[in-house]
């Protein structure tokens, strides 16, 4: 063994699987992908691969938000990146409204996600309903 290798610690442990993405993990990954540092990109990608179900009710909002902002930064040459993107491709590019429709169709809308999406969806729908001849009032449908 060379002198340079002596005493060096090499981490060969497999990454720990993470079942769901939560707000704390989202913030960590967002900051890493926002850093502009290539090492942070690679580490963030490796963390993404450990999320076992990015489309679960608990993960899907944070996954969508992260991919919406950073999907273009991921290295698509890596097989694991392509596999991850294929899992989230159905919703990662969607607007708030379209994502909300997607979630309702897949029965994954939750009160938490609705509260996050509601302000932007409401703003857009109010703009669409402006009318010089009629007063239009939006009334939320029962979602649950």
C-alpha atoms as a PDB file:
ATOM      1  CA  UNK A   1       0.000   0.000   0.000  1.00  0.00           C
ATOM      2  CA  UNK A   2       1.380   3.418  -0.876  1.00  0.00           C
ATOM      3  CA  UNK A   3       2.056   6.072   1.740  1.00  0.00           C
ATOM      4  CA  UNK A   4      -0.619   8.279   0.173  1.00  0.00           C
ATOM      5  CA  UNK A   5      -3.298   5.624   0.700  1.00  0.00           C
ATOM      6  CA  UNK A   6      -2.247   4.829   4.240  1.00  0.00           C
ATOM      7  CA  UNK A   7      -4.644   6.351   6.729  1.00  0.00           C
ATOM      8  CA  UNK A   8      -7.106   7.432   4.030  1.00  0.00           C
ATOM      9  CA  UNK A   9     -10.691   6.600   4.821  1.00  0.00           C
ATOM     10  CA  UNK A  10     -12.796   5.547   1.865  1.00  0.00           C
ATOM     11  CA  UNK A  11     -16.536   5.486   2.354  1.00  0.00           C
ATOM     12  CA  UNK A  12     -17.815   2.393   0.565  1.00  0.00           C
ATOM     13  CA  UNK A  13     -21.163   2.232   2.342  1.00  0.00           C
ATOM     14  CA  UNK A  14     -24.211   2.324   0.128  1.00  0.00           C
ATOM     15  CA  UNK A  15     -26.290   5.485   0.493  1.00  0.00           C
ATOM     16  CA  UNK A  16     -29.135   5.196   2.969  1.00  0.00           C
ATOM     17  CA  UNK A  17     -32.522   5.043   1.299  1.00  0.00           C
ATOM     18  CA  UNK A  18     -34.893   7.893   2.083  1.00  0.00           C
ATOM     19  CA  UNK A  19     -38.567   7.063   1.665  1.00  0.00           C
ATOM     20  CA  UNK A  20     -39.968  10.550   1.116  1.00  0.00           C
ATOM     21  CA  UNK A  21     -38.809  14.058   0.346  1.00  0.00           C
ATOM     22  CA  UNK A  22     -39.892  16.579   2.963  1.00  0.00           C
ATOM     23  CA  UNK A  23     -39.393  20.333   3.272  1.00  0.00           C
ATOM     24  CA  UNK A  24     -36.014  19.994   5.023  1.00  0.00           C
ATOM     25  CA  UNK A  25     -34.642  17.689   2.313  1.00  0.00           C
ATOM     26  CA  UNK A  26     -36.113  19.942  -0.371  1.00  0.00           C
ATOM     27  CA  UNK A  27     -34.353  22.976   1.137  1.00  0.00           C
ATOM     28  CA  UNK A  28     -31.055  21.092   1.339  1.00  0.00           C
ATOM     29  CA  UNK A  29     -31.247  19.912  -2.278  1.00  0.00           C
ATOM     30  CA  UNK A  30     -32.469  23.309  -3.507  1.00  0.00           C
ATOM     31  CA  UNK A  31     -29.525  25.055  -1.853  1.00  0.00           C
ATOM     32  CA  UNK A  32     -27.070  22.511  -3.238  1.00  0.00           C
ATOM     33  CA  UNK A  33     -28.443  22.832  -6.780  1.00  0.00           C
ATOM     34  CA  UNK A  34     -28.498  26.619  -6.446  1.00  0.00           C
ATOM     35  CA  UNK A  35     -24.862  26.779  -5.326  1.00  0.00           C
ATOM     36  CA  UNK A  36     -23.307  26.591  -8.777  1.00  0.00           C
ATOM     37  CA  UNK A  37     -20.783  24.068  -7.441  1.00  0.00           C
ATOM     38  CA  UNK A  38     -20.400  20.884  -9.508  1.00  0.00           C
ATOM     39  CA  UNK A  39     -19.626  18.788  -6.422  1.00  0.00           C
ATOM     40  CA  UNK A  40     -22.886  19.930  -4.822  1.00  0.00           C
ATOM     41  CA  UNK A  41     -24.770  18.955  -8.009  1.00  0.00           C
ATOM     42  CA  UNK A  42     -23.329  15.442  -7.883  1.00  0.00           C
ATOM     43  CA  UNK A  43     -24.071  15.033  -4.172  1.00  0.00           C
ATOM     44  CA  UNK A  44     -27.620  16.344  -4.676  1.00  0.00           C
ATOM     45  CA  UNK A  45     -28.161  13.884  -7.542  1.00  0.00           C
ATOM     46  CA  UNK A  46     -26.904  11.042  -5.366  1.00  0.00           C
ATOM     47  CA  UNK A  47     -29.330  12.065  -2.615  1.00  0.00           C
ATOM     48  CA  UNK A  48     -32.197  12.162  -5.129  1.00  0.00           C
ATOM     49  CA  UNK A  49     -31.484   8.559  -6.111  1.00  0.00           C
ATOM     50  CA  UNK A  50     -32.003   7.433  -2.529  1.00  0.00           C
ATOM     51  CA  UNK A  51     -35.618   8.652  -2.435  1.00  0.00           C
ATOM     52  CA  UNK A  52     -37.563   5.447  -2.827  1.00  0.00           C
ATOM     53  CA  UNK A  53     -40.889   6.999  -3.852  1.00  0.00           C
ATOM     54  CA  UNK A  54     -40.696  10.548  -5.253  1.00  0.00           C
ATOM     55  CA  UNK A  55     -44.377  10.312  -6.258  1.00  0.00           C
ATOM     56  CA  UNK A  56     -45.838   9.423  -2.840  1.00  0.00           C
ATOM     57  CA  UNK A  57     -48.398  11.808  -1.329  1.00  0.00           C
ATOM     58  CA  UNK A  58     -45.728  12.922   1.145  1.00  0.00           C
ATOM     59  CA  UNK A  59     -43.044  13.570  -1.512  1.00  0.00           C
ATOM     60  CA  UNK A  60     -44.809  14.642  -4.657  1.00  0.00           C
ATOM     61  CA  UNK A  61     -45.188  18.364  -3.872  1.00  0.00           C
ATOM     62  CA  UNK A  62     -41.540  18.798  -2.846  1.00  0.00           C
ATOM     63  CA  UNK A  63     -40.357  16.674  -5.790  1.00  0.00           C
ATOM     64  CA  UNK A  64     -42.418  18.788  -8.209  1.00  0.00           C
ATOM     65  CA  UNK A  65     -41.141  22.041  -6.734  1.00  0.00           C
ATOM     66  CA  UNK A  66     -37.515  20.917  -6.875  1.00  0.00           C
ATOM     67  CA  UNK A  67     -37.741  19.531 -10.406  1.00  0.00           C
ATOM     68  CA  UNK A  68     -39.635  22.576 -11.645  1.00  0.00           C
ATOM     69  CA  UNK A  69     -36.748  24.770 -10.543  1.00  0.00           C
ATOM     70  CA  UNK A  70     -33.737  22.519 -11.132  1.00  0.00           C
ATOM     71  CA  UNK A  71     -34.437  19.679 -13.575  1.00  0.00           C
ATOM     72  CA  UNK A  72     -32.276  21.339 -16.231  1.00  0.00           C
ATOM     73  CA  UNK A  73     -29.258  21.194 -13.902  1.00  0.00           C
ATOM     74  CA  UNK A  74     -29.269  17.414 -13.554  1.00  0.00           C
ATOM     75  CA  UNK A  75     -26.729  15.448 -15.587  1.00  0.00           C
ATOM     76  CA  UNK A  76     -28.814  13.340 -17.969  1.00  0.00           C
ATOM     77  CA  UNK A  77     -25.756  11.338 -18.976  1.00  0.00           C
ATOM     78  CA  UNK A  78     -26.056   9.451 -15.704  1.00  0.00           C
ATOM     79  CA  UNK A  79     -28.387   6.458 -15.880  1.00  0.00           C
ATOM     80  CA  UNK A  80     -29.700   7.088 -12.368  1.00  0.00           C
ATOM     81  CA  UNK A  81     -30.642  10.675 -13.332  1.00  0.00           C
ATOM     82  CA  UNK A  82     -32.540   9.443 -16.387  1.00  0.00           C
ATOM     83  CA  UNK A  83     -34.357   6.858 -14.259  1.00  0.00           C
ATOM     84  CA  UNK A  84     -35.277   9.485 -11.656  1.00  0.00           C
ATOM     85  CA  UNK A  85     -36.518  11.907 -14.313  1.00  0.00           C
ATOM     86  CA  UNK A  86     -38.627   9.141 -15.884  1.00  0.00           C
ATOM     87  CA  UNK A  87     -40.370   8.688 -12.500  1.00  0.00           C
ATOM     88  CA  UNK A  88     -41.284  12.376 -12.228  1.00  0.00           C
ATOM     89  CA  UNK A  89     -41.666  13.277 -15.907  1.00  0.00           C
ATOM     90  CA  UNK A  90     -45.467  13.134 -15.759  1.00  0.00           C
ATOM     91  CA  UNK A  91     -45.684  16.181 -13.503  1.00  0.00           C
ATOM     92  CA  UNK A  92     -42.303  17.915 -13.190  1.00  0.00           C
ATOM     93  CA  UNK A  93     -42.986  20.440 -15.988  1.00  0.00           C
ATOM     94  CA  UNK A  94     -46.523  21.387 -14.978  1.00  0.00           C
ATOM     95  CA  UNK A  95     -47.818  24.759 -13.801  1.00  0.00           C
ATOM     96  CA  UNK A  96     -49.494  25.056 -10.395  1.00  0.00           C
ATOM     97  CA  UNK A  97     -52.942  24.628 -11.959  1.00  0.00           C
ATOM     98  CA  UNK A  98     -51.957  21.717 -14.176  1.00  0.00           C
ATOM     99  CA  UNK A  99     -50.120  20.052 -11.285  1.00  0.00           C
ATOM    100  CA  UNK A 100     -53.237  20.435  -9.142  1.00  0.00           C
ATOM    101  CA  UNK A 101     -55.332  18.786 -11.867  1.00  0.00           C
ATOM    102  CA  UNK A 102     -52.773  15.991 -12.123  1.00  0.00           C
ATOM    103  CA  UNK A 103     -52.899  15.401  -8.367  1.00  0.00           C
ATOM    104  CA  UNK A 104     -56.710  15.324  -8.324  1.00  0.00           C
ATOM    105  CA  UNK A 105     -56.693  12.802 -11.175  1.00  0.00           C
ATOM    106  CA  UNK A 106     -54.196  10.582  -9.356  1.00  0.00           C
ATOM    107  CA  UNK A 107     -55.978  11.080  -6.005  1.00  0.00           C
ATOM    108  CA  UNK A 108     -52.826  12.513  -4.459  1.00  0.00           C
ATOM    109  CA  UNK A 109     -54.087  15.980  -3.584  1.00  0.00           C
ATOM    110  CA  UNK A 110     -53.811  16.648   0.147  1.00  0.00           C
ATOM    111  CA  UNK A 111     -54.935  19.638   2.243  1.00  0.00           C
ATOM    112  CA  UNK A 112     -51.247  20.576   2.697  1.00  0.00           C
ATOM    113  CA  UNK A 113     -50.559  20.590  -1.057  1.00  0.00           C
ATOM    114  CA  UNK A 114     -53.798  22.469  -1.752  1.00  0.00           C
ATOM    115  CA  UNK A 115     -52.793  25.213   0.686  1.00  0.00           C
ATOM    116  CA  UNK A 116     -49.455  25.541  -1.155  1.00  0.00           C
ATOM    117  CA  UNK A 117     -51.041  25.636  -4.636  1.00  0.00           C
ATOM    118  CA  UNK A 118     -54.215  27.562  -3.833  1.00  0.00           C
ATOM    119  CA  UNK A 119     -52.829  31.158  -3.889  1.00  0.00           C
ATOM    120  CA  UNK A 120     -51.373  30.881  -7.410  1.00  0.00           C
ATOM    121  CA  UNK A 121     -54.320  28.907  -8.785  1.00  0.00           C
ATOM    122  CA  UNK A 122     -56.745  31.445  -7.291  1.00  0.00           C
ATOM    123  CA  UNK A 123     -54.769  34.392  -8.677  1.00  0.00           C
ATOM    124  CA  UNK A 124     -54.796  32.956 -12.196  1.00  0.00           C
ATOM    125  CA  UNK A 125     -58.472  31.978 -12.095  1.00  0.00           C
ATOM    126  CA  UNK A 126     -59.488  35.419 -10.801  1.00  0.00           C
ATOM    127  CA  UNK A 127     -57.585  36.994 -13.685  1.00  0.00           C
ATOM    128  CA  UNK A 128     -59.297  34.685 -16.183  1.00  0.00           C
ATOM    129  CA  UNK A 129     -62.727  35.529 -14.748  1.00  0.00           C
ATOM    130  CA  UNK A 130     -62.429  39.327 -14.900  1.00  0.00           C
ATOM    131  CA  UNK A 131     -65.296  40.675 -16.918  1.00  0.00           C
ATOM    132  CA  UNK A 132     -66.563  44.191 -17.626  1.00  0.00           C
ATOM    133  CA  UNK A 133     -70.181  43.006 -17.906  1.00  0.00           C
ATOM    134  CA  UNK A 134     -70.513  40.564 -15.023  1.00  0.00           C
ATOM    135  CA  UNK A 135     -69.377  40.156 -11.458  1.00  0.00           C
ATOM    136  CA  UNK A 136     -67.851  36.722 -11.296  1.00  0.00           C
ATOM    137  CA  UNK A 137     -67.236  35.080  -7.964  1.00  0.00           C
ATOM    138  CA  UNK A 138     -65.039  32.045  -7.541  1.00  0.00           C
ATOM    139  CA  UNK A 139     -66.367  29.394  -5.227  1.00  0.00           C
ATOM    140  CA  UNK A 140     -64.058  26.562  -4.270  1.00  0.00           C
ATOM    141  CA  UNK A 141     -65.325  23.062  -4.889  1.00  0.00           C
ATOM    142  CA  UNK A 142     -65.198  20.461  -2.181  1.00  0.00           C
ATOM    143  CA  UNK A 143     -61.963  18.533  -2.851  1.00  0.00           C
ATOM    144  CA  UNK A 144     -62.141  15.950  -0.097  1.00  0.00           C
END
